[in-house]
Amino acid sequence: MHVGSRGVSPLIATVLLLLVAVGVGAIIWTWVTGFAGKTTSEAGQVTEEMCADGSFQIKSCTYSGGTLTIKLENTGQIDLNTFKVFVINSDGSTAKTETKTLNLAAGAPGKTTVTGLSAAPAQVKITSSDCPNLTVTSDCKTS
């Protein structure tokens, strides 16, 4: 009797190869998504920690001829770049909202304007877009 050397059929070999490839792909996918999620979470914590060292103040807010001029100073230890400016009327309503890019380095002063106002505002409220927990409100003067 002759003992033949029979191997695994090509169909079964292909199926086994596909199963191994899918298994390895699943393992890699699980590792990558877990790593990316952890890295994103840690980046959010770094931002919150950095914002704890941030602060700014409104040095002056003056209105003249439809234009509001606001002078700021970054009094914190981190750079603040983008701000949302809310111009508030005497009745508490918001007259205008604008996003301003000032790129204030730590300790640096800055200035911005809001134009097209029909009346003198009562206050201005400014929130840092970089650190939304940083908000300052100031009364405005008419010149």
N, C-alpha and C. Protein backbone atom coordinates (compact mmCIF):
# COMPACT_ATOMS: atom_id res chain seq x y z
N MET A 1 0.83 -1.16 0.00
CA MET A 1 0.00 0.00 0.00
C MET A 1 0.88 1.23 0.00
N HIS A 2 0.47 2.19 -0.73
CA HIS A 2 1.23 3.41 -0.89
C HIS A 2 0.63 4.54 -0.06
N VAL A 3 1.45 5.11 0.79
CA VAL A 3 0.96 6.24 1.60
C VAL A 3 1.31 7.51 0.84
N GLY A 4 0.28 8.26 0.48
CA GLY A 4 0.49 9.49 -0.29
C GLY A 4 0.73 10.68 0.61
N SER A 5 1.36 11.63 0.05
CA SER A 5 1.59 12.86 0.81
C SER A 5 0.54 13.87 0.39
N ARG A 6 -0.52 13.85 1.11
CA ARG A 6 -1.60 14.78 0.79
C ARG A 6 -1.48 15.98 1.72
N GLY A 7 -1.60 17.16 1.17
CA GLY A 7 -1.54 18.38 1.97
C GLY A 7 -2.93 18.93 2.21
N VAL A 8 -2.99 20.09 2.70
CA VAL A 8 -4.25 20.76 2.95
C VAL A 8 -4.75 21.28 1.61
N SER A 9 -6.03 21.13 1.39
CA SER A 9 -6.58 21.56 0.10
C SER A 9 -6.42 23.08 -0.05
N PRO A 10 -6.30 23.56 -1.26
CA PRO A 10 -6.15 25.00 -1.49
C PRO A 10 -7.30 25.82 -0.91
N LEU A 11 -8.50 25.31 -0.92
CA LEU A 11 -9.65 26.03 -0.39
C LEU A 11 -9.52 26.22 1.12
N ILE A 12 -9.17 25.15 1.82
CA ILE A 12 -9.01 25.24 3.27
C ILE A 12 -7.82 26.13 3.63
N ALA A 13 -6.76 26.06 2.88
CA ALA A 13 -5.59 26.91 3.12
C ALA A 13 -5.96 28.39 2.98
N THR A 14 -6.75 28.70 1.96
CA THR A 14 -7.17 30.08 1.74
C THR A 14 -8.05 30.57 2.88
N VAL A 15 -8.99 29.75 3.31
CA VAL A 15 -9.87 30.11 4.43
C VAL A 15 -9.05 30.33 5.70
N LEU A 16 -8.12 29.45 5.99
CA LEU A 16 -7.28 29.61 7.18
C LEU A 16 -6.45 30.89 7.11
N LEU A 17 -5.89 31.17 5.94
CA LEU A 17 -5.09 32.38 5.77
C LEU A 17 -5.94 33.64 5.99
N LEU A 18 -7.16 33.65 5.47
CA LEU A 18 -8.06 34.78 5.68
C LEU A 18 -8.42 34.95 7.15
N LEU A 19 -8.68 33.85 7.86
CA LEU A 19 -9.00 33.93 9.29
C LEU A 19 -7.83 34.50 10.10
N VAL A 20 -6.63 34.06 9.78
CA VAL A 20 -5.45 34.59 10.47
C VAL A 20 -5.29 36.09 10.19
N ALA A 21 -5.47 36.49 8.94
CA ALA A 21 -5.33 37.91 8.57
C ALA A 21 -6.38 38.77 9.27
N VAL A 22 -7.63 38.30 9.32
CA VAL A 22 -8.69 39.05 10.00
C VAL A 22 -8.39 39.14 11.50
N GLY A 23 -7.92 38.05 12.08
CA GLY A 23 -7.58 38.06 13.51
C GLY A 23 -6.48 39.06 13.83
N VAL A 24 -5.42 39.06 13.04
CA VAL A 24 -4.32 40.01 13.25
C VAL A 24 -4.81 41.45 13.05
N GLY A 25 -5.65 41.66 12.03
CA GLY A 25 -6.21 42.99 11.78
C GLY A 25 -7.05 43.48 12.95
N ALA A 26 -7.84 42.58 13.54
CA ALA A 26 -8.67 42.94 14.69
C ALA A 26 -7.82 43.33 15.89
N ILE A 27 -6.76 42.60 16.11
CA ILE A 27 -5.85 42.90 17.23
C ILE A 27 -5.21 44.28 17.02
N ILE A 28 -4.73 44.53 15.83
CA ILE A 28 -4.10 45.84 15.54
C ILE A 28 -5.12 46.96 15.69
N TRP A 29 -6.34 46.77 15.16
CA TRP A 29 -7.38 47.80 15.25
C TRP A 29 -7.71 48.12 16.71
N THR A 30 -7.82 47.11 17.54
CA THR A 30 -8.12 47.31 18.96
C THR A 30 -7.01 48.11 19.63
N TRP A 31 -5.79 47.78 19.34
CA TRP A 31 -4.66 48.50 19.95
C TRP A 31 -4.64 49.95 19.49
N VAL A 32 -4.81 50.21 18.18
CA VAL A 32 -4.75 51.57 17.65
C VAL A 32 -5.86 52.44 18.22
N THR A 33 -7.09 51.93 18.26
CA THR A 33 -8.19 52.75 18.79
C THR A 33 -8.02 53.01 20.28
N GLY A 34 -7.54 52.06 21.03
CA GLY A 34 -7.28 52.28 22.45
C GLY A 34 -6.18 53.30 22.67
N PHE A 35 -5.13 53.22 21.88
CA PHE A 35 -4.01 54.17 22.00
C PHE A 35 -4.46 55.58 21.63
N ALA A 36 -5.22 55.71 20.54
CA ALA A 36 -5.70 57.03 20.10
C ALA A 36 -6.64 57.64 21.14
N GLY A 37 -7.52 56.84 21.71
CA GLY A 37 -8.44 57.35 22.73
C GLY A 37 -7.70 57.82 23.97
N LYS A 38 -6.70 57.09 24.40
CA LYS A 38 -5.92 57.46 25.58
C LYS A 38 -5.15 58.75 25.31
N THR A 39 -4.55 58.87 24.13
CA THR A 39 -3.78 60.06 23.78
C THR A 39 -4.67 61.28 23.71
N THR A 40 -5.87 61.15 23.12
CA THR A 40 -6.81 62.27 23.03
C THR A 40 -7.25 62.70 24.42
N SER A 41 -7.53 61.75 25.28
CA SER A 41 -7.95 62.05 26.65
C SER A 41 -6.86 62.79 27.41
N GLU A 42 -5.62 62.33 27.27
CA GLU A 42 -4.50 63.00 27.94
C GLU A 42 -4.29 64.41 27.40
N ALA A 43 -4.50 64.62 26.11
CA ALA A 43 -4.35 65.96 25.53
C ALA A 43 -5.37 66.91 26.12
N GLY A 44 -6.60 66.45 26.35
CA GLY A 44 -7.63 67.28 26.97
C GLY A 44 -7.24 67.67 28.38
N GLN A 45 -6.63 66.75 29.13
CA GLN A 45 -6.20 67.05 30.48
C GLN A 45 -5.07 68.08 30.48
N VAL A 46 -4.17 67.98 29.53
CA VAL A 46 -3.08 68.96 29.45
C VAL A 46 -3.65 70.34 29.19
N THR A 47 -4.66 70.46 28.32
CA THR A 47 -5.27 71.75 28.03
C THR A 47 -5.91 72.33 29.28
N GLU A 48 -6.65 71.52 30.04
CA GLU A 48 -7.27 72.00 31.26
C GLU A 48 -6.23 72.47 32.26
N GLU A 49 -5.14 71.72 32.38
CA GLU A 49 -4.08 72.10 33.30
C GLU A 49 -3.41 73.40 32.85
N MET A 50 -3.20 73.53 31.54
CA MET A 50 -2.59 74.75 31.03
C MET A 50 -3.51 75.95 31.27
N CYS A 51 -4.80 75.78 31.08
CA CYS A 51 -5.75 76.88 31.25
C CYS A 51 -5.80 77.37 32.70
N ALA A 52 -5.43 76.52 33.63
CA ALA A 52 -5.38 76.95 35.03
C ALA A 52 -4.36 78.06 35.22
N ASP A 53 -3.36 78.14 34.33
CA ASP A 53 -2.34 79.19 34.40
C ASP A 53 -2.68 80.38 33.52
N GLY A 54 -3.87 80.41 32.95
CA GLY A 54 -4.25 81.49 32.05
C GLY A 54 -5.14 82.51 32.74
N SER A 55 -4.98 83.76 32.36
CA SER A 55 -5.86 84.83 32.81
C SER A 55 -5.62 86.06 31.94
N PHE A 56 -6.63 86.90 31.86
CA PHE A 56 -6.48 88.16 31.15
C PHE A 56 -7.43 89.17 31.77
N GLN A 57 -7.18 90.42 31.47
CA GLN A 57 -8.07 91.47 31.99
C GLN A 57 -8.32 92.51 30.91
N ILE A 58 -9.45 93.19 31.06
CA ILE A 58 -9.79 94.29 30.16
C ILE A 58 -9.24 95.55 30.80
N LYS A 59 -8.29 96.19 30.14
CA LYS A 59 -7.67 97.40 30.68
C LYS A 59 -8.58 98.62 30.45
N SER A 60 -9.24 98.67 29.28
CA SER A 60 -10.17 99.75 29.00
C SER A 60 -11.15 99.34 27.92
N CYS A 61 -12.28 100.00 27.93
CA CYS A 61 -13.34 99.74 26.96
C CYS A 61 -13.98 101.09 26.67
N THR A 62 -13.73 101.66 25.50
CA THR A 62 -14.28 102.98 25.18
C THR A 62 -15.06 102.95 23.87
N TYR A 63 -16.14 103.72 23.85
CA TYR A 63 -17.02 103.80 22.67
C TYR A 63 -16.98 105.21 22.11
N SER A 64 -16.86 105.28 20.79
CA SER A 64 -16.87 106.58 20.11
C SER A 64 -17.31 106.38 18.67
N GLY A 65 -18.38 107.07 18.28
CA GLY A 65 -18.81 107.08 16.88
C GLY A 65 -19.08 105.73 16.26
N GLY A 66 -19.74 104.83 16.98
CA GLY A 66 -20.08 103.52 16.44
C GLY A 66 -18.99 102.47 16.57
N THR A 67 -17.85 102.85 17.15
CA THR A 67 -16.73 101.91 17.30
C THR A 67 -16.40 101.73 18.78
N LEU A 68 -16.29 100.48 19.17
CA LEU A 68 -15.89 100.13 20.53
C LEU A 68 -14.43 99.67 20.48
N THR A 69 -13.59 100.30 21.28
CA THR A 69 -12.17 99.95 21.35
C THR A 69 -11.92 99.28 22.69
N ILE A 70 -11.34 98.09 22.64
CA ILE A 70 -11.10 97.31 23.85
C ILE A 70 -9.61 97.03 23.96
N LYS A 71 -9.03 97.39 25.09
CA LYS A 71 -7.63 97.08 25.35
C LYS A 71 -7.57 95.97 26.40
N LEU A 72 -6.82 94.93 26.07
CA LEU A 72 -6.68 93.75 26.94
C LEU A 72 -5.24 93.58 27.37
N GLU A 73 -5.07 92.77 28.40
CA GLU A 73 -3.72 92.36 28.80
C GLU A 73 -3.78 90.92 29.23
N ASN A 74 -2.88 90.11 28.68
CA ASN A 74 -2.76 88.72 29.08
C ASN A 74 -1.95 88.70 30.37
N THR A 75 -2.61 88.45 31.50
CA THR A 75 -1.95 88.45 32.80
C THR A 75 -1.56 87.05 33.26
N GLY A 76 -1.78 86.07 32.40
CA GLY A 76 -1.48 84.68 32.75
C GLY A 76 -0.11 84.25 32.27
N GLN A 77 0.12 82.95 32.36
CA GLN A 77 1.42 82.38 32.00
C GLN A 77 1.37 81.57 30.70
N ILE A 78 0.23 81.62 30.00
CA ILE A 78 0.11 80.92 28.71
C ILE A 78 -0.36 81.90 27.65
N ASP A 79 -0.07 81.58 26.40
CA ASP A 79 -0.52 82.41 25.29
C ASP A 79 -2.02 82.20 25.07
N LEU A 80 -2.72 83.29 24.78
CA LEU A 80 -4.14 83.24 24.44
C LEU A 80 -4.30 83.85 23.06
N ASN A 81 -4.96 83.14 22.17
CA ASN A 81 -4.99 83.58 20.78
C ASN A 81 -6.34 84.11 20.30
N THR A 82 -7.40 83.42 20.62
CA THR A 82 -8.70 83.76 20.05
C THR A 82 -9.69 84.07 21.17
N PHE A 83 -10.49 85.11 20.94
CA PHE A 83 -11.45 85.55 21.94
C PHE A 83 -12.81 85.75 21.30
N LYS A 84 -13.85 85.56 22.10
CA LYS A 84 -15.21 85.86 21.66
C LYS A 84 -15.64 87.11 22.44
N VAL A 85 -16.04 88.15 21.70
CA VAL A 85 -16.40 89.43 22.29
C VAL A 85 -17.92 89.60 22.22
N PHE A 86 -18.55 89.84 23.37
CA PHE A 86 -19.99 90.10 23.46
C PHE A 86 -20.18 91.55 23.86
N VAL A 87 -20.83 92.33 23.02
CA VAL A 87 -21.14 93.72 23.32
C VAL A 87 -22.55 93.74 23.91
N ILE A 88 -22.69 94.26 25.13
CA ILE A 88 -23.94 94.16 25.88
C ILE A 88 -24.58 95.54 26.06
N ASN A 89 -25.85 95.64 25.72
CA ASN A 89 -26.62 96.88 25.89
C ASN A 89 -26.99 97.09 27.35
N SER A 90 -27.50 98.28 27.66
CA SER A 90 -27.87 98.61 29.03
C SER A 90 -29.04 97.75 29.53
N ASP A 91 -29.88 97.23 28.63
CA ASP A 91 -31.00 96.36 29.05
C ASP A 91 -30.57 94.91 29.21
N GLY A 92 -29.29 94.61 29.02
CA GLY A 92 -28.77 93.25 29.19
C GLY A 92 -28.76 92.42 27.93
N SER A 93 -29.34 92.93 26.84
CA SER A 93 -29.34 92.19 25.57
C SER A 93 -27.96 92.31 24.91
N THR A 94 -27.67 91.38 24.04
CA THR A 94 -26.39 91.38 23.34
C THR A 94 -26.55 92.15 22.03
N ALA A 95 -25.78 93.23 21.88
CA ALA A 95 -25.84 94.06 20.68
C ALA A 95 -25.08 93.41 19.53
N LYS A 96 -23.96 92.79 19.85
CA LYS A 96 -23.13 92.19 18.80
C LYS A 96 -22.19 91.18 19.44
N THR A 97 -21.88 90.13 18.67
CA THR A 97 -20.92 89.11 19.09
C THR A 97 -19.93 88.91 17.95
N GLU A 98 -18.64 88.96 18.28
CA GLU A 98 -17.61 88.76 17.26
C GLU A 98 -16.49 87.89 17.82
N THR A 99 -15.87 87.11 16.94
CA THR A 99 -14.70 86.33 17.30
C THR A 99 -13.47 87.08 16.81
N LYS A 100 -12.52 87.29 17.70
CA LYS A 100 -11.31 88.06 17.39
C LYS A 100 -10.07 87.21 17.64
N THR A 101 -9.12 87.30 16.71
CA THR A 101 -7.83 86.65 16.89
C THR A 101 -6.81 87.72 17.25
N LEU A 102 -6.28 87.64 18.47
CA LEU A 102 -5.34 88.66 18.95
C LEU A 102 -3.93 88.13 19.16
N ASN A 103 -3.77 86.83 19.36
CA ASN A 103 -2.45 86.22 19.59
C ASN A 103 -1.68 86.94 20.70
N LEU A 104 -2.26 86.92 21.89
CA LEU A 104 -1.62 87.56 23.04
C LEU A 104 -0.67 86.59 23.73
N ALA A 105 0.60 86.90 23.68
CA ALA A 105 1.59 86.10 24.41
C ALA A 105 1.42 86.37 25.90
N ALA A 106 1.91 85.47 26.72
CA ALA A 106 1.82 85.64 28.17
C ALA A 106 2.42 86.99 28.57
N GLY A 107 1.65 87.79 29.28
CA GLY A 107 2.10 89.10 29.75
C GLY A 107 1.94 90.23 28.75
N ALA A 108 1.47 89.95 27.55
CA ALA A 108 1.41 90.97 26.49
C ALA A 108 0.06 91.71 26.48
N PRO A 109 0.11 93.00 26.08
CA PRO A 109 -1.13 93.75 25.89
C PRO A 109 -1.65 93.54 24.46
N GLY A 110 -2.91 93.87 24.25
CA GLY A 110 -3.50 93.78 22.93
C GLY A 110 -4.67 94.73 22.81
N LYS A 111 -5.12 94.93 21.59
CA LYS A 111 -6.23 95.85 21.35
C LYS A 111 -7.08 95.30 20.21
N THR A 112 -8.38 95.48 20.32
CA THR A 112 -9.29 95.10 19.26
C THR A 112 -10.44 96.10 19.20
N THR A 113 -11.14 96.10 18.09
CA THR A 113 -12.28 97.00 17.92
C THR A 113 -13.49 96.22 17.43
N VAL A 114 -14.65 96.74 17.77
CA VAL A 114 -15.92 96.24 17.25
C VAL A 114 -16.59 97.45 16.62
N THR A 115 -16.89 97.36 15.34
CA THR A 115 -17.47 98.49 14.62
C THR A 115 -18.93 98.23 14.27
N GLY A 116 -19.59 99.30 13.82
CA GLY A 116 -20.98 99.18 13.36
C GLY A 116 -22.00 99.16 14.48
N LEU A 117 -21.65 99.71 15.62
CA LEU A 117 -22.60 99.76 16.74
C LEU A 117 -23.46 101.01 16.61
N SER A 118 -24.75 100.88 16.90
CA SER A 118 -25.66 102.02 16.77
C SER A 118 -25.77 102.83 18.05
N ALA A 119 -25.34 102.28 19.16
CA ALA A 119 -25.40 103.00 20.45
C ALA A 119 -24.25 102.54 21.34
N ALA A 120 -23.99 103.36 22.34
CA ALA A 120 -22.93 103.03 23.29
C ALA A 120 -23.34 101.82 24.12
N PRO A 121 -22.49 100.81 24.20
CA PRO A 121 -22.83 99.63 25.02
C PRO A 121 -22.61 99.91 26.50
N ALA A 122 -23.27 99.14 27.32
CA ALA A 122 -23.09 99.27 28.77
C ALA A 122 -21.87 98.48 29.23
N GLN A 123 -21.69 97.30 28.62
CA GLN A 123 -20.60 96.42 29.04
C GLN A 123 -20.05 95.66 27.85
N VAL A 124 -18.89 95.07 28.08
CA VAL A 124 -18.32 94.11 27.13
C VAL A 124 -17.92 92.89 27.95
N LYS A 125 -18.23 91.72 27.38
CA LYS A 125 -17.87 90.46 28.01
C LYS A 125 -16.98 89.73 27.01
N ILE A 126 -15.84 89.26 27.48
CA ILE A 126 -14.88 88.58 26.60
C ILE A 126 -14.56 87.21 27.19
N THR A 127 -14.64 86.21 26.32
CA THR A 127 -14.32 84.83 26.70
C THR A 127 -13.18 84.35 25.82
N SER A 128 -12.21 83.69 26.42
CA SER A 128 -11.12 83.10 25.66
C SER A 128 -11.63 81.84 24.96
N SER A 129 -11.43 81.75 23.66
CA SER A 129 -11.81 80.54 22.93
C SER A 129 -10.83 79.41 23.22
N ASP A 130 -9.59 79.76 23.58
CA ASP A 130 -8.57 78.76 23.92
C ASP A 130 -8.90 78.09 25.26
N CYS A 131 -9.38 78.88 26.20
CA CYS A 131 -9.73 78.40 27.53
C CYS A 131 -11.11 78.97 27.88
N PRO A 132 -12.19 78.28 27.52
CA PRO A 132 -13.54 78.83 27.70
C PRO A 132 -13.92 79.17 29.13
N ASN A 133 -13.17 78.65 30.11
CA ASN A 133 -13.46 78.99 31.50
C ASN A 133 -12.94 80.38 31.87
N LEU A 134 -12.18 81.03 30.98
CA LEU A 134 -11.66 82.37 31.24
C LEU A 134 -12.59 83.40 30.62
N THR A 135 -13.32 84.13 31.45
CA THR A 135 -14.26 85.15 30.99
C THR A 135 -14.10 86.38 31.86
N VAL A 136 -14.12 87.56 31.22
CA VAL A 136 -13.99 88.83 31.92
C VAL A 136 -15.08 89.77 31.38
N THR A 137 -15.68 90.54 32.29
CA THR A 137 -16.70 91.53 31.92
C THR A 137 -16.25 92.88 32.44
N SER A 138 -16.50 93.93 31.64
CA SER A 138 -16.11 95.28 32.05
C SER A 138 -17.15 96.29 31.57
N ASP A 139 -17.33 97.35 32.33
CA ASP A 139 -18.17 98.47 31.91
C ASP A 139 -17.44 99.26 30.84
N CYS A 140 -18.19 99.88 29.95
CA CYS A 140 -17.60 100.67 28.87
C CYS A 140 -17.87 102.15 29.07
N LYS A 141 -16.94 102.97 28.63
CA LYS A 141 -17.06 104.43 28.75
C LYS A 141 -17.34 105.03 27.38
N THR A 142 -18.06 106.13 27.39
CA THR A 142 -18.32 106.85 26.15
C THR A 142 -17.34 108.02 26.11
N SER A 143 -16.68 108.17 24.97
CA SER A 143 -15.73 109.29 24.88
C SER A 143 -16.28 110.38 23.99
